[in-house]
Amino acid sequence: MKALLRRKSVRTYTGVPVTDDQRAQLLKAAYASPVAMGQYDSIVMTVVEKPELLAQIDAAAAKQFGREKMLYGAPMLIVLATKLKGDASDNSGYSNAATVIENLNLAAVELGLGACHIWGAIAALAEDDALKQALKIPEGFTPVGGLVVGDSADAYTKRDIPDNRIATEILD
């Protein structure tokens, strides 16, 4: 609950790289994620730490959305890609990616790293075949979500979460 109540979107980073140990712990959190029907081969994860690739992704996003620094200068981007069929079954792929990203996000909080769930840069990446190839995203997989991670001066403090934040019906 501590990580859940402190988690927030962090959009400022110091530029200090994520350590090998921190990366290993983040990946362990991702690997602990549930995936629909246990079909782990339906999702792939790419960890991008090469500054030139991060800059290319940022440039693609800026071109598509007219905004600079959509990765906020973070030293790591974790991209989740899945196989999409264009029908209702795609909900599983999107849900799988979101679940993995949330596990990564909560692990980042526990590690004291900043993190932010990314959509715009991922949408731009999904439309750029050369960039997908540079990220070694397999043919037939579509990037659907991502998380930037890195050292940040932002502190995680406990948030007051309103009980009525989400409309809820309890049927008992």
N, C-alpha and C. Protein backbone atom coordinates (compact mmCIF):
# COMPACT_ATOMS: atom_id res chain seq x y z
N MET A 1 0.82 -1.20 0.00
CA MET A 1 0.00 0.00 0.00
C MET A 1 0.86 1.26 0.00
N LYS A 2 2.04 1.19 0.60
CA LYS A 2 2.89 2.37 0.65
C LYS A 2 3.21 2.87 -0.77
N ALA A 3 3.63 1.95 -1.64
CA ALA A 3 3.96 2.34 -3.02
C ALA A 3 2.71 2.83 -3.75
N LEU A 4 1.58 2.17 -3.54
CA LEU A 4 0.34 2.57 -4.20
C LEU A 4 -0.07 4.00 -3.82
N LEU A 5 0.07 4.33 -2.55
CA LEU A 5 -0.36 5.64 -2.08
C LEU A 5 0.66 6.74 -2.35
N ARG A 6 1.85 6.40 -2.77
CA ARG A 6 2.89 7.38 -3.07
C ARG A 6 3.13 7.56 -4.58
N ARG A 7 2.74 6.58 -5.37
CA ARG A 7 3.01 6.60 -6.80
C ARG A 7 2.43 7.86 -7.45
N LYS A 8 3.19 8.44 -8.35
CA LYS A 8 2.75 9.60 -9.12
C LYS A 8 3.51 9.60 -10.43
N SER A 9 3.10 10.42 -11.37
CA SER A 9 3.82 10.56 -12.63
C SER A 9 4.96 11.54 -12.44
N VAL A 10 6.17 11.06 -12.65
CA VAL A 10 7.37 11.89 -12.48
C VAL A 10 7.84 12.31 -13.88
N ARG A 11 8.03 13.61 -14.06
CA ARG A 11 8.39 14.13 -15.38
C ARG A 11 9.69 14.93 -15.38
N THR A 12 10.50 14.77 -14.33
CA THR A 12 11.81 15.42 -14.30
C THR A 12 12.84 14.39 -13.82
N TYR A 13 13.96 14.35 -14.54
CA TYR A 13 14.98 13.34 -14.25
C TYR A 13 16.36 13.99 -14.19
N THR A 14 17.22 13.41 -13.37
CA THR A 14 18.56 13.96 -13.19
C THR A 14 19.51 13.56 -14.31
N GLY A 15 19.18 12.52 -15.05
CA GLY A 15 20.07 12.01 -16.09
C GLY A 15 20.98 10.89 -15.61
N VAL A 16 20.97 10.62 -14.31
CA VAL A 16 21.78 9.53 -13.76
C VAL A 16 21.18 8.21 -14.25
N PRO A 17 22.01 7.35 -14.85
CA PRO A 17 21.47 6.08 -15.37
C PRO A 17 20.94 5.17 -14.27
N VAL A 18 20.00 4.33 -14.65
CA VAL A 18 19.48 3.28 -13.76
C VAL A 18 20.61 2.26 -13.60
N THR A 19 20.84 1.80 -12.38
CA THR A 19 21.93 0.84 -12.16
C THR A 19 21.52 -0.55 -12.65
N ASP A 20 22.51 -1.41 -12.83
CA ASP A 20 22.22 -2.79 -13.24
C ASP A 20 21.32 -3.49 -12.23
N ASP A 21 21.57 -3.26 -10.93
CA ASP A 21 20.74 -3.88 -9.88
C ASP A 21 19.31 -3.35 -9.94
N GLN A 22 19.15 -2.04 -10.12
CA GLN A 22 17.80 -1.48 -10.23
C GLN A 22 17.08 -2.04 -11.46
N ARG A 23 17.79 -2.14 -12.58
CA ARG A 23 17.19 -2.70 -13.79
C ARG A 23 16.75 -4.14 -13.54
N ALA A 24 17.59 -4.92 -12.88
CA ALA A 24 17.24 -6.32 -12.58
C ALA A 24 15.99 -6.40 -11.71
N GLN A 25 15.87 -5.50 -10.73
CA GLN A 25 14.69 -5.51 -9.86
C GLN A 25 13.44 -5.08 -10.63
N LEU A 26 13.58 -4.10 -11.51
CA LEU A 26 12.45 -3.69 -12.33
C LEU A 26 11.98 -4.85 -13.23
N LEU A 27 12.94 -5.52 -13.85
CA LEU A 27 12.58 -6.64 -14.73
C LEU A 27 11.92 -7.77 -13.94
N LYS A 28 12.39 -8.02 -12.74
CA LYS A 28 11.76 -9.05 -11.90
C LYS A 28 10.30 -8.69 -11.64
N ALA A 29 10.03 -7.41 -11.37
CA ALA A 29 8.65 -6.96 -11.16
C ALA A 29 7.81 -7.17 -12.42
N ALA A 30 8.40 -6.89 -13.57
CA ALA A 30 7.68 -7.10 -14.83
C ALA A 30 7.38 -8.58 -15.03
N TYR A 31 8.37 -9.43 -14.77
CA TYR A 31 8.20 -10.86 -14.97
C TYR A 31 7.18 -11.45 -13.99
N ALA A 32 6.93 -10.77 -12.88
CA ALA A 32 5.95 -11.23 -11.90
C ALA A 32 4.52 -10.88 -12.32
N SER A 33 4.37 -10.10 -13.37
CA SER A 33 3.04 -9.67 -13.82
C SER A 33 2.23 -10.83 -14.39
N PRO A 34 0.93 -10.81 -14.12
CA PRO A 34 0.07 -11.80 -14.77
C PRO A 34 -0.14 -11.41 -16.23
N VAL A 35 -0.33 -12.41 -17.07
CA VAL A 35 -0.65 -12.20 -18.48
C VAL A 35 -1.83 -13.12 -18.81
N ALA A 36 -2.79 -12.60 -19.53
CA ALA A 36 -4.02 -13.34 -19.83
C ALA A 36 -3.73 -14.74 -20.36
N MET A 37 -4.35 -15.71 -19.72
CA MET A 37 -4.25 -17.12 -20.10
C MET A 37 -2.80 -17.63 -20.07
N GLY A 38 -1.92 -16.91 -19.36
CA GLY A 38 -0.53 -17.33 -19.27
C GLY A 38 0.21 -17.30 -20.60
N GLN A 39 -0.29 -16.53 -21.55
CA GLN A 39 0.31 -16.47 -22.89
C GLN A 39 1.42 -15.41 -22.93
N TYR A 40 2.52 -15.72 -22.26
CA TYR A 40 3.62 -14.77 -22.17
C TYR A 40 4.28 -14.51 -23.52
N ASP A 41 4.08 -15.40 -24.48
CA ASP A 41 4.65 -15.18 -25.80
C ASP A 41 3.86 -14.15 -26.61
N SER A 42 2.75 -13.66 -26.05
CA SER A 42 1.94 -12.66 -26.75
C SER A 42 2.39 -11.23 -26.43
N ILE A 43 3.43 -11.09 -25.64
CA ILE A 43 3.90 -9.77 -25.24
C ILE A 43 5.43 -9.76 -25.22
N VAL A 44 6.00 -8.65 -25.65
CA VAL A 44 7.46 -8.48 -25.59
C VAL A 44 7.78 -7.15 -24.94
N MET A 45 8.92 -7.11 -24.29
CA MET A 45 9.35 -5.91 -23.59
C MET A 45 10.72 -5.51 -24.11
N THR A 46 10.90 -4.24 -24.38
CA THR A 46 12.17 -3.71 -24.84
C THR A 46 12.61 -2.62 -23.87
N VAL A 47 13.82 -2.76 -23.34
CA VAL A 47 14.38 -1.76 -22.43
C VAL A 47 15.36 -0.92 -23.23
N VAL A 48 15.05 0.36 -23.35
CA VAL A 48 15.87 1.28 -24.15
C VAL A 48 16.65 2.19 -23.20
N GLU A 49 17.98 2.07 -23.27
CA GLU A 49 18.84 2.94 -22.47
C GLU A 49 19.84 3.70 -23.35
N LYS A 50 19.95 3.35 -24.62
CA LYS A 50 20.87 4.03 -25.53
C LYS A 50 20.37 5.45 -25.77
N PRO A 51 21.17 6.45 -25.42
CA PRO A 51 20.73 7.84 -25.59
C PRO A 51 20.29 8.16 -27.02
N GLU A 52 21.00 7.62 -28.03
CA GLU A 52 20.63 7.94 -29.41
C GLU A 52 19.26 7.36 -29.78
N LEU A 53 18.91 6.20 -29.25
CA LEU A 53 17.58 5.64 -29.51
C LEU A 53 16.50 6.43 -28.77
N LEU A 54 16.79 6.81 -27.54
CA LEU A 54 15.83 7.64 -26.80
C LEU A 54 15.59 8.95 -27.54
N ALA A 55 16.65 9.54 -28.09
CA ALA A 55 16.51 10.79 -28.85
C ALA A 55 15.69 10.58 -30.11
N GLN A 56 15.87 9.44 -30.78
CA GLN A 56 15.09 9.16 -31.99
C GLN A 56 13.61 8.98 -31.66
N ILE A 57 13.31 8.32 -30.56
CA ILE A 57 11.92 8.15 -30.14
C ILE A 57 11.32 9.50 -29.80
N ASP A 58 12.06 10.32 -29.07
CA ASP A 58 11.60 11.67 -28.73
C ASP A 58 11.34 12.49 -29.99
N ALA A 59 12.23 12.38 -30.98
CA ALA A 59 12.08 13.13 -32.23
C ALA A 59 10.84 12.66 -32.99
N ALA A 60 10.60 11.36 -33.03
CA ALA A 60 9.41 10.83 -33.71
C ALA A 60 8.14 11.34 -33.03
N ALA A 61 8.16 11.37 -31.71
CA ALA A 61 7.00 11.86 -30.96
C ALA A 61 6.80 13.36 -31.19
N ALA A 62 7.89 14.12 -31.19
CA ALA A 62 7.79 15.56 -31.41
C ALA A 62 7.23 15.85 -32.80
N LYS A 63 7.66 15.08 -33.79
CA LYS A 63 7.17 15.26 -35.16
C LYS A 63 5.66 14.99 -35.23
N GLN A 64 5.21 13.95 -34.55
CA GLN A 64 3.79 13.58 -34.62
C GLN A 64 2.90 14.48 -33.78
N PHE A 65 3.40 14.88 -32.60
CA PHE A 65 2.54 15.61 -31.66
C PHE A 65 2.92 17.08 -31.48
N GLY A 66 4.03 17.51 -32.07
CA GLY A 66 4.44 18.91 -31.96
C GLY A 66 4.92 19.30 -30.57
N ARG A 67 5.34 18.30 -29.78
CA ARG A 67 5.85 18.56 -28.42
C ARG A 67 7.24 17.98 -28.30
N GLU A 68 8.11 18.70 -27.67
CA GLU A 68 9.48 18.23 -27.43
C GLU A 68 9.55 17.47 -26.11
N LYS A 69 10.55 16.64 -25.97
CA LYS A 69 10.88 15.95 -24.72
C LYS A 69 9.71 15.16 -24.14
N MET A 70 9.09 14.33 -24.96
CA MET A 70 7.96 13.54 -24.47
C MET A 70 8.42 12.37 -23.60
N LEU A 71 9.73 12.15 -23.56
CA LEU A 71 10.29 11.15 -22.63
C LEU A 71 10.88 11.84 -21.40
N TYR A 72 10.76 13.14 -21.33
CA TYR A 72 11.13 13.96 -20.17
C TYR A 72 12.60 13.85 -19.76
N GLY A 73 13.46 13.41 -20.67
CA GLY A 73 14.88 13.30 -20.35
C GLY A 73 15.23 12.09 -19.50
N ALA A 74 14.30 11.14 -19.37
CA ALA A 74 14.57 9.94 -18.57
C ALA A 74 15.64 9.09 -19.27
N PRO A 75 16.49 8.43 -18.49
CA PRO A 75 17.55 7.62 -19.09
C PRO A 75 17.11 6.21 -19.51
N MET A 76 15.86 5.86 -19.23
CA MET A 76 15.36 4.53 -19.59
C MET A 76 13.90 4.63 -20.03
N LEU A 77 13.60 3.91 -21.11
CA LEU A 77 12.23 3.74 -21.56
C LEU A 77 12.00 2.24 -21.70
N ILE A 78 10.95 1.75 -21.08
CA ILE A 78 10.57 0.35 -21.21
C ILE A 78 9.31 0.31 -22.07
N VAL A 79 9.41 -0.37 -23.21
CA VAL A 79 8.33 -0.44 -24.18
C VAL A 79 7.70 -1.83 -24.12
N LEU A 80 6.37 -1.87 -24.08
CA LEU A 80 5.62 -3.12 -24.14
C LEU A 80 4.93 -3.19 -25.48
N ALA A 81 5.09 -4.31 -26.15
CA ALA A 81 4.45 -4.53 -27.45
C ALA A 81 3.70 -5.85 -27.39
N THR A 82 2.62 -5.91 -28.15
CA THR A 82 1.78 -7.11 -28.16
C THR A 82 1.28 -7.37 -29.57
N LYS A 83 0.74 -8.55 -29.78
CA LYS A 83 0.12 -8.90 -31.06
C LYS A 83 -1.32 -8.40 -31.03
N LEU A 84 -1.67 -7.59 -32.01
CA LEU A 84 -3.04 -7.08 -32.10
C LEU A 84 -3.74 -7.70 -33.30
N LYS A 85 -5.02 -8.03 -33.12
CA LYS A 85 -5.81 -8.65 -34.18
C LYS A 85 -6.85 -7.71 -34.77
N GLY A 86 -7.07 -6.57 -34.10
CA GLY A 86 -8.08 -5.63 -34.59
C GLY A 86 -9.49 -5.98 -34.17
N ASP A 87 -9.62 -6.78 -33.11
CA ASP A 87 -10.95 -7.11 -32.61
C ASP A 87 -10.95 -7.04 -31.08
N ALA A 88 -12.04 -7.46 -30.46
CA ALA A 88 -12.18 -7.34 -29.01
C ALA A 88 -11.12 -8.11 -28.23
N SER A 89 -10.51 -9.12 -28.85
CA SER A 89 -9.47 -9.87 -28.15
C SER A 89 -8.24 -9.01 -27.87
N ASP A 90 -8.11 -7.87 -28.56
CA ASP A 90 -6.99 -6.97 -28.31
C ASP A 90 -7.01 -6.42 -26.88
N ASN A 91 -8.19 -6.45 -26.24
CA ASN A 91 -8.28 -5.98 -24.86
C ASN A 91 -7.28 -6.72 -23.97
N SER A 92 -7.07 -8.00 -24.23
CA SER A 92 -6.10 -8.77 -23.43
C SER A 92 -4.70 -8.23 -23.60
N GLY A 93 -4.31 -7.94 -24.83
CA GLY A 93 -2.97 -7.42 -25.08
C GLY A 93 -2.74 -6.08 -24.40
N TYR A 94 -3.71 -5.19 -24.53
CA TYR A 94 -3.59 -3.88 -23.87
C TYR A 94 -3.56 -4.04 -22.34
N SER A 95 -4.40 -4.91 -21.84
CA SER A 95 -4.45 -5.14 -20.40
C SER A 95 -3.15 -5.75 -19.90
N ASN A 96 -2.60 -6.71 -20.64
CA ASN A 96 -1.32 -7.31 -20.26
C ASN A 96 -0.24 -6.25 -20.15
N ALA A 97 -0.16 -5.40 -21.17
CA ALA A 97 0.87 -4.35 -21.17
C ALA A 97 0.67 -3.41 -19.99
N ALA A 98 -0.57 -3.01 -19.74
CA ALA A 98 -0.85 -2.09 -18.63
C ALA A 98 -0.50 -2.71 -17.28
N THR A 99 -0.75 -4.01 -17.14
CA THR A 99 -0.44 -4.69 -15.89
C THR A 99 1.07 -4.74 -15.67
N VAL A 100 1.81 -5.06 -16.71
CA VAL A 100 3.27 -5.09 -16.61
C VAL A 100 3.79 -3.69 -16.26
N ILE A 101 3.25 -2.68 -16.94
CA ILE A 101 3.70 -1.30 -16.69
C ILE A 101 3.40 -0.89 -15.25
N GLU A 102 2.24 -1.26 -14.73
CA GLU A 102 1.93 -0.88 -13.34
C GLU A 102 2.86 -1.60 -12.37
N ASN A 103 3.18 -2.86 -12.62
CA ASN A 103 4.16 -3.54 -11.76
C ASN A 103 5.50 -2.81 -11.80
N LEU A 104 5.93 -2.43 -12.99
CA LEU A 104 7.19 -1.68 -13.14
C LEU A 104 7.11 -0.35 -12.40
N ASN A 105 5.97 0.32 -12.54
CA ASN A 105 5.77 1.63 -11.91
C ASN A 105 5.88 1.52 -10.39
N LEU A 106 5.21 0.53 -9.81
CA LEU A 106 5.25 0.36 -8.35
C LEU A 106 6.65 -0.06 -7.89
N ALA A 107 7.33 -0.87 -8.68
CA ALA A 107 8.71 -1.25 -8.34
C ALA A 107 9.61 -0.02 -8.36
N ALA A 108 9.40 0.87 -9.33
CA ALA A 108 10.19 2.10 -9.40
C ALA A 108 10.01 2.94 -8.13
N VAL A 109 8.77 3.03 -7.66
CA VAL A 109 8.50 3.78 -6.42
C VAL A 109 9.31 3.15 -5.27
N GLU A 110 9.22 1.82 -5.15
CA GLU A 110 9.95 1.13 -4.07
C GLU A 110 11.45 1.34 -4.17
N LEU A 111 11.96 1.47 -5.40
CA LEU A 111 13.40 1.67 -5.61
C LEU A 111 13.80 3.14 -5.49
N GLY A 112 12.82 4.03 -5.32
CA GLY A 112 13.11 5.46 -5.22
C GLY A 112 13.42 6.09 -6.57
N LEU A 113 13.00 5.44 -7.66
CA LEU A 113 13.21 5.97 -9.00
C LEU A 113 11.94 6.66 -9.48
N GLY A 114 12.10 7.71 -10.25
CA GLY A 114 10.96 8.35 -10.86
C GLY A 114 10.46 7.49 -12.01
N ALA A 115 9.18 7.58 -12.31
CA ALA A 115 8.60 6.82 -13.42
C ALA A 115 7.34 7.53 -13.92
N CYS A 116 7.09 7.37 -15.22
CA CYS A 116 5.89 7.96 -15.81
C CYS A 116 5.42 7.06 -16.95
N HIS A 117 4.14 6.72 -16.91
CA HIS A 117 3.50 5.91 -17.94
C HIS A 117 3.42 6.77 -19.21
N ILE A 118 3.92 6.25 -20.32
CA ILE A 118 4.05 7.01 -21.56
C ILE A 118 3.11 6.47 -22.63
N TRP A 119 2.39 7.37 -23.31
CA TRP A 119 1.50 6.96 -24.40
C TRP A 119 1.86 7.64 -25.72
N GLY A 120 2.03 8.94 -25.73
CA GLY A 120 2.27 9.67 -26.99
C GLY A 120 3.48 9.19 -27.75
N ALA A 121 4.59 9.04 -27.06
CA ALA A 121 5.81 8.58 -27.72
C ALA A 121 5.64 7.15 -28.23
N ILE A 122 4.86 6.36 -27.53
CA ILE A 122 4.61 4.98 -27.94
C ILE A 122 3.74 4.97 -29.20
N ALA A 123 2.76 5.86 -29.27
CA ALA A 123 1.93 5.95 -30.47
C ALA A 123 2.77 6.33 -31.68
N ALA A 124 3.69 7.25 -31.51
CA ALA A 124 4.59 7.64 -32.61
C ALA A 124 5.50 6.47 -32.98
N LEU A 125 6.02 5.77 -32.00
CA LEU A 125 6.88 4.61 -32.24
C LEU A 125 6.13 3.53 -33.02
N ALA A 126 4.87 3.30 -32.67
CA ALA A 126 4.08 2.25 -33.31
C ALA A 126 3.91 2.49 -34.81
N GLU A 127 4.04 3.74 -35.25
CA GLU A 127 3.88 4.07 -36.66
C GLU A 127 5.19 4.19 -37.41
N ASP A 128 6.31 3.93 -36.75
CA ASP A 128 7.63 4.11 -37.36
C ASP A 128 8.33 2.75 -37.47
N ASP A 129 8.20 2.11 -38.64
CA ASP A 129 8.75 0.77 -38.83
C ASP A 129 10.26 0.72 -38.62
N ALA A 130 10.98 1.73 -39.07
CA ALA A 130 12.44 1.74 -38.91
C ALA A 130 12.82 1.81 -37.43
N LEU A 131 12.10 2.60 -36.68
CA LEU A 131 12.38 2.73 -35.25
C LEU A 131 12.01 1.44 -34.51
N LYS A 132 10.90 0.81 -34.88
CA LYS A 132 10.53 -0.48 -34.28
C LYS A 132 11.63 -1.51 -34.56
N GLN A 133 12.16 -1.49 -35.77
CA GLN A 133 13.23 -2.42 -36.12
C GLN A 133 14.49 -2.12 -35.30
N ALA A 134 14.81 -0.84 -35.11
CA ALA A 134 15.98 -0.46 -34.31
C ALA A 134 15.82 -0.92 -32.86
N LEU A 135 14.58 -0.98 -32.37
CA LEU A 135 14.30 -1.43 -31.02
C LEU A 135 14.11 -2.95 -30.94
N LYS A 136 14.29 -3.62 -32.08
CA LYS A 136 14.18 -5.09 -32.16
C LYS A 136 12.81 -5.60 -31.73
N ILE A 137 11.78 -4.82 -32.04
CA ILE A 137 10.41 -5.26 -31.77
C ILE A 137 10.04 -6.23 -32.89
N PRO A 138 9.68 -7.45 -32.54
CA PRO A 138 9.43 -8.47 -33.56
C PRO A 138 8.29 -8.10 -34.52
N GLU A 139 8.41 -8.59 -35.74
CA GLU A 139 7.36 -8.44 -36.75
C GLU A 139 6.05 -8.97 -36.17
N GLY A 140 4.97 -8.24 -36.38
CA GLY A 140 3.67 -8.67 -35.89
C GLY A 140 3.32 -8.15 -34.50
N PHE A 141 4.26 -7.48 -33.85
CA PHE A 141 4.01 -6.90 -32.54
C PHE A 141 3.87 -5.38 -32.68
N THR A 142 2.96 -4.80 -31.91
CA THR A 142 2.71 -3.36 -31.92
C THR A 142 3.00 -2.78 -30.55
N PRO A 143 3.84 -1.74 -30.47
CA PRO A 143 4.04 -1.07 -29.18
C PRO A 143 2.72 -0.46 -28.70
N VAL A 144 2.34 -0.76 -27.46
CA VAL A 144 1.06 -0.28 -26.93
C VAL A 144 1.19 0.48 -25.62
N GLY A 145 2.36 0.50 -25.02
CA GLY A 145 2.53 1.22 -23.77
C GLY A 145 3.98 1.28 -23.38
N GLY A 146 4.29 2.20 -22.51
CA GLY A 146 5.67 2.33 -22.06
C GLY A 146 5.77 3.05 -20.73
N LEU A 147 6.95 2.95 -20.16
CA LEU A 147 7.23 3.61 -18.89
C LEU A 147 8.64 4.18 -18.97
N VAL A 148 8.77 5.49 -18.69
CA VAL A 148 10.11 6.06 -18.54
C VAL A 148 10.49 5.92 -17.07
N VAL A 149 11.77 5.68 -16.84
CA VAL A 149 12.26 5.45 -15.48
C VAL A 149 13.62 6.13 -15.34
N GLY A 150 13.88 6.65 -14.16
CA GLY A 150 15.20 7.22 -13.90
C GLY A 150 15.27 7.91 -12.55
N ASP A 151 16.47 8.26 -12.21
CA ASP A 151 16.71 9.01 -10.98
C ASP A 151 16.05 10.38 -11.10
N SER A 152 15.42 10.81 -10.03
CA SER A 152 14.73 12.10 -10.03
C SER A 152 14.87 12.75 -8.66
N ALA A 153 14.86 14.07 -8.67
CA ALA A 153 14.86 14.81 -7.41
C ALA A 153 13.46 14.88 -6.80
N ASP A 154 12.43 14.52 -7.60
CA ASP A 154 11.06 14.50 -7.09
C ASP A 154 10.96 13.46 -5.97
N ALA A 155 10.28 13.82 -4.90
CA ALA A 155 10.10 12.89 -3.78
C ALA A 155 8.71 12.27 -3.86
N TYR A 156 8.62 11.04 -3.42
CA TYR A 156 7.32 10.39 -3.31
C TYR A 156 6.80 10.63 -1.90
N THR A 157 5.65 11.28 -1.82
CA THR A 157 5.01 11.51 -0.53
C THR A 157 3.62 10.89 -0.57
N LYS A 158 3.10 10.58 0.59
CA LYS A 158 1.78 9.96 0.66
C LYS A 158 0.74 10.91 0.10
N ARG A 159 -0.12 10.37 -0.75
CA ARG A 159 -1.21 11.16 -1.35
C ARG A 159 -2.50 10.83 -0.64
N ASP A 160 -3.39 11.82 -0.57
CA ASP A 160 -4.73 11.59 -0.04
C ASP A 160 -5.60 11.17 -1.21
N ILE A 161 -6.06 9.93 -1.19
CA ILE A 161 -6.86 9.39 -2.29
C ILE A 161 -8.33 9.41 -1.87
N PRO A 162 -9.16 10.21 -2.56
CA PRO A 162 -10.58 10.26 -2.20
C PRO A 162 -11.26 8.90 -2.43
N ASP A 163 -12.12 8.52 -1.51
CA ASP A 163 -12.83 7.24 -1.61
C ASP A 163 -13.80 7.20 -2.79
N ASN A 164 -14.27 8.34 -3.25
CA ASN A 164 -15.26 8.39 -4.32
C ASN A 164 -14.65 8.76 -5.67
N ARG A 165 -13.37 8.55 -5.82
CA ARG A 165 -12.66 8.93 -7.03
C ARG A 165 -13.19 8.22 -8.27
N ILE A 166 -13.59 6.99 -8.13
CA ILE A 166 -14.12 6.19 -9.23
C ILE A 166 -15.56 5.81 -8.87
N ALA A 167 -16.50 6.12 -9.77
CA ALA A 167 -17.88 5.74 -9.53
C ALA A 167 -17.94 4.24 -9.26
N THR A 168 -18.53 3.86 -8.14
CA THR A 168 -18.51 2.46 -7.71
C THR A 168 -19.91 2.02 -7.31
N GLU A 169 -20.29 0.88 -7.82
CA GLU A 169 -21.54 0.22 -7.40
C GLU A 169 -21.16 -1.04 -6.66
N ILE A 170 -21.68 -1.22 -5.46
CA ILE A 170 -21.45 -2.44 -4.70
C ILE A 170 -22.76 -3.21 -4.69
N LEU A 171 -22.71 -4.38 -5.29
CA LEU A 171 -23.92 -5.21 -5.40
C LEU A 171 -23.77 -6.36 -4.42
N ASP A 172 -24.45 -6.24 -3.27
CA ASP A 172 -24.33 -7.32 -2.28
C ASP A 172 -25.66 -7.92 -1.93
